[in-house]
Protein backbone atom coordinates (compact mmCIF):
# COMPACT_ATOMS: atom_id res chain seq x y z
CA MET A 1 0.00 0.00 0.00
CA ASN A 2 2.85 2.38 0.85
CA LEU A 3 4.45 1.65 -2.50
CA ILE A 4 1.26 2.62 -4.33
CA LEU A 5 0.97 5.87 -2.36
CA TYR A 6 4.62 6.65 -3.04
CA TRP A 7 4.13 6.02 -6.79
CA LEU A 8 1.02 8.26 -6.80
CA HIS A 9 2.96 10.98 -5.01
CA LEU A 10 5.78 10.77 -7.56
CA THR A 11 3.29 10.83 -10.43
CA PHE A 12 1.55 13.88 -8.97
CA ALA A 13 4.89 15.65 -8.41
CA ALA A 14 6.04 14.85 -11.94
CA MET A 15 2.78 16.17 -13.37
CA LYS A 16 3.13 19.35 -11.35
CA VAL A 17 6.65 19.89 -12.72
CA LEU A 18 5.42 19.09 -16.24
CA LEU A 19 2.70 21.74 -15.98
CA ILE A 20 5.17 24.32 -14.64
CA VAL A 21 7.58 23.64 -17.51
CA TYR A 22 4.73 23.74 -20.04
CA ARG A 23 3.46 27.03 -18.66
CA LEU A 24 6.96 28.52 -18.68
CA LEU A 25 7.66 27.41 -22.25
CA THR A 26 4.30 28.73 -23.39
CA PHE A 27 5.02 32.16 -21.98
CA ILE A 28 8.48 32.13 -23.56
CA LEU A 29 7.02 31.22 -26.96
CA LEU A 30 4.14 33.74 -26.88
CA PRO A 31 6.06 36.99 -27.54
CA ILE A 32 8.27 35.30 -30.12
CA ALA A 33 5.20 33.94 -31.91
CA ALA A 34 3.61 37.40 -31.85
CA ILE A 35 6.69 38.93 -33.51
CA ILE A 36 6.86 36.08 -36.03
CA GLY A 37 3.16 36.61 -36.76
CA ILE A 38 3.65 40.31 -37.50
CA VAL A 39 6.64 39.59 -39.75
CA ASP A 40 4.70 36.77 -41.44
CA VAL A 41 1.83 39.11 -42.31
CA MET A 42 4.30 41.54 -43.88
CA PHE A 43 5.82 38.70 -45.92
CA LEU A 44 2.35 37.55 -46.95
CA PHE A 45 1.88 40.53 -49.21
CA GLN A 46 5.26 40.00 -50.85
CA ALA A 47 4.65 36.27 -51.20
CA LEU A 48 1.41 36.67 -53.13
CA ALA A 49 3.49 36.95 -56.29
CA ASN A 50 5.46 33.76 -55.55
CA PRO A 51 3.54 30.55 -54.73
CA LEU A 52 6.61 28.85 -53.25
CA ALA A 53 7.15 31.74 -50.84
CA LEU A 54 3.44 31.63 -50.04
CA LEU A 55 3.82 28.03 -48.90
CA LEU A 56 6.57 29.09 -46.49
CA VAL A 57 4.44 31.96 -45.18
CA PHE A 58 1.59 29.56 -44.40
CA ALA A 59 3.97 27.08 -42.78
CA ILE A 60 5.35 29.81 -40.53
CA ALA A 61 1.80 30.89 -39.73
CA CYS A 62 1.25 27.36 -38.40
CA ILE A 63 3.83 28.04 -35.69
CA VAL A 64 1.96 31.18 -34.64
CA ILE A 65 -1.41 29.43 -34.68
CA TYR A 66 0.01 26.49 -32.72
CA VAL A 67 1.48 28.69 -29.98
CA PHE A 68 -1.71 30.73 -29.53
CA ALA A 69 -3.96 27.64 -29.69
CA SER A 70 -1.85 25.88 -27.07
CA PHE A 71 -1.95 29.03 -24.95
CA SER A 72 -5.73 28.95 -25.16
CA PHE A 73 -5.71 25.28 -24.13
CA LEU A 74 -3.42 26.11 -21.21
CA THR A 75 -5.43 29.06 -19.91
CA LYS A 76 -9.00 27.90 -20.60
CA GLY A 77 -8.60 24.16 -20.23
CA ILE A 78 -5.77 23.30 -17.89
CA ILE A 79 -5.67 26.35 -15.60
CA SER A 80 -9.38 27.27 -15.55
CA GLY A 81 -10.71 23.74 -15.99
CA LEU A 82 -13.25 24.87 -18.59
CA GLN A 83 -14.50 22.69 -21.43
CA CYS A 84 -12.73 23.37 -24.73
CA LYS A 85 -14.10 22.90 -28.19
CA PRO A 86 -12.85 19.75 -29.91
CA SER A 87 -11.76 21.97 -32.80
CA LEU A 88 -9.15 23.55 -30.50
CA ARG A 89 -7.53 20.13 -30.06
CA ASP A 90 -7.57 19.70 -33.84
CA TRP A 91 -6.02 23.14 -34.38
CA ILE A 92 -3.28 22.31 -31.90
CA ARG A 93 -2.55 18.91 -33.45
CA VAL A 94 -2.50 19.97 -37.09
CA ASN A 95 -0.40 23.07 -36.51
CA ALA A 96 1.87 21.16 -34.12
CA TYR A 97 2.77 18.69 -36.87
CA VAL A 98 3.74 21.47 -39.29
CA SER A 99 5.58 23.33 -36.51
CA LEU A 100 7.42 20.15 -35.59
CA VAL A 101 8.60 19.65 -39.16
CA LEU A 102 9.80 23.27 -39.41
CA SER A 103 11.54 23.00 -36.05
CA ILE A 104 13.32 19.79 -37.00
CA LEU A 105 14.42 21.44 -40.26
CA GLY A 106 15.68 24.44 -38.27
CA VAL A 107 17.76 22.23 -35.99
CA ARG A 108 19.09 20.28 -38.97
CA ASP A 109 19.99 23.46 -40.87
CA TYR A 110 21.83 24.93 -37.90
CA ILE A 111 23.84 21.76 -37.33
CA THR A 112 24.63 21.51 -41.05
CA ILE A 113 25.85 25.09 -41.31
CA ILE A 114 27.86 24.93 -38.09
CA SER A 115 29.56 21.71 -39.19
CA ASP A 116 30.42 23.07 -42.67
CA LYS A 117 31.11 26.82 -42.74
CA SER A 118 31.54 26.79 -46.53
CA ILE A 119 27.76 26.43 -46.90
CA LEU A 120 27.25 29.72 -45.09
CA GLY A 121 29.92 31.33 -47.26
CA ASP A 122 28.07 30.18 -50.39
CA ILE A 123 24.78 31.57 -49.08
CA VAL A 124 26.41 34.92 -48.28
CA LYS A 125 27.96 35.07 -51.77
CA GLN A 126 24.55 34.45 -53.36
CA VAL A 127 22.91 37.15 -51.23
CA ILE A 128 25.66 39.65 -52.12
CA GLN A 129 25.35 38.79 -55.84
CA GLN A 130 21.59 39.38 -55.71
CA GLN A 131 22.26 42.76 -54.04
CA THR A 132 19.46 42.25 -51.52
CA ILE A 133 21.45 43.65 -48.60
CA PRO A 134 21.80 47.27 -47.50
CA PRO A 135 24.97 48.99 -48.71
CA GLY A 136 27.86 49.01 -46.27
CA ILE A 137 27.37 45.50 -44.90
CA THR A 138 30.38 43.33 -45.60
CA ALA A 139 30.42 39.58 -46.16
CA PRO A 140 31.83 38.78 -42.67
CA GLN A 141 29.16 40.98 -41.07
CA LEU A 142 26.48 39.24 -43.09
CA GLU A 143 27.83 35.85 -42.01
CA GLN A 144 27.64 36.93 -38.37
CA ILE A 145 24.05 38.13 -38.85
CA PHE A 146 23.10 34.79 -40.42
CA LEU A 147 24.84 32.84 -37.65
CA LYS A 148 23.07 34.82 -34.92
CA PHE A 149 19.71 34.36 -36.64
CA LEU A 150 20.31 30.64 -37.12
CA PHE A 151 21.37 30.24 -33.48
CA PHE A 152 18.23 32.05 -32.33
CA PHE A 153 16.07 29.86 -34.58
CA PHE A 154 17.93 26.77 -33.33
CA ILE A 155 17.12 27.60 -29.69
CA PHE A 156 13.55 28.55 -30.64
CA SER A 157 13.17 25.24 -32.51
CA ILE A 158 14.38 23.18 -29.56
CA VAL A 159 12.01 24.98 -27.18
CA LEU A 160 9.17 24.50 -29.67
CA ILE A 161 9.91 20.78 -30.09
CA ILE A 162 9.85 20.28 -26.32
CA HIS A 163 6.62 22.29 -26.08
CA ILE A 164 4.97 20.23 -28.83
CA ILE A 165 5.92 16.96 -27.11
CA LEU A 166 4.48 18.26 -23.85
CA SER A 167 1.35 19.46 -25.65
CA PHE A 168 0.63 16.04 -27.08
CA ARG A 169 1.06 14.50 -23.65
CA LEU A 170 -1.20 17.07 -22.02
CA LEU A 171 -3.82 16.75 -24.77
CA ARG A 172 -3.95 13.05 -23.99
CA GLN A 173 -3.98 13.63 -20.22
CA PHE A 174 -6.69 16.30 -20.34
CA SER A 175 -8.73 14.73 -23.14
CA TYR A 176 -11.86 14.94 -20.95
CA LEU A 177 -11.76 18.73 -21.44
CA PHE A 178 -12.64 18.21 -25.10
CA SER A 179 -15.60 15.88 -24.66
CA GLN A 180 -18.82 17.15 -26.13
CA ASN A 181 -21.66 17.30 -23.67
CA ASP A 182 -24.75 18.08 -25.75
């Protein structure tokens, strides 16, 4: 009997830590997702002329939708204990899959570029040849800008992957919040 009580105590403590980590990661992701959302809307108008760029804009929008949908699940469902619409679970799941793919690609790209610096040099040369950078920025400065951006996206991707894994676990754990009571 004591063993069962001890296991229940550990399970409860682990769940409490899981919810604290999930809440913390959600509040870290929220402002970043808001900024990404604003930038994504600006890119939307430019991407209307290029269908391939439009696909990327919609994929990035999935990250924003996922973060805000999971925030809604956290605040309305987990914290307040209110019933959530089953469509919220669907929004979280669908956008989580796309966000997961983009995050994995972000981690892979960062590791690839860090392991082979010549790739970054080639990218910088292409950007300079296309003259899409402001005048006065040198190739080494541009490389540093790219590296800082990639590092930021790498960290963001890792946090997002962890958040998505936790979301799927919490969606399963709190599935009763999505039941339809007609």
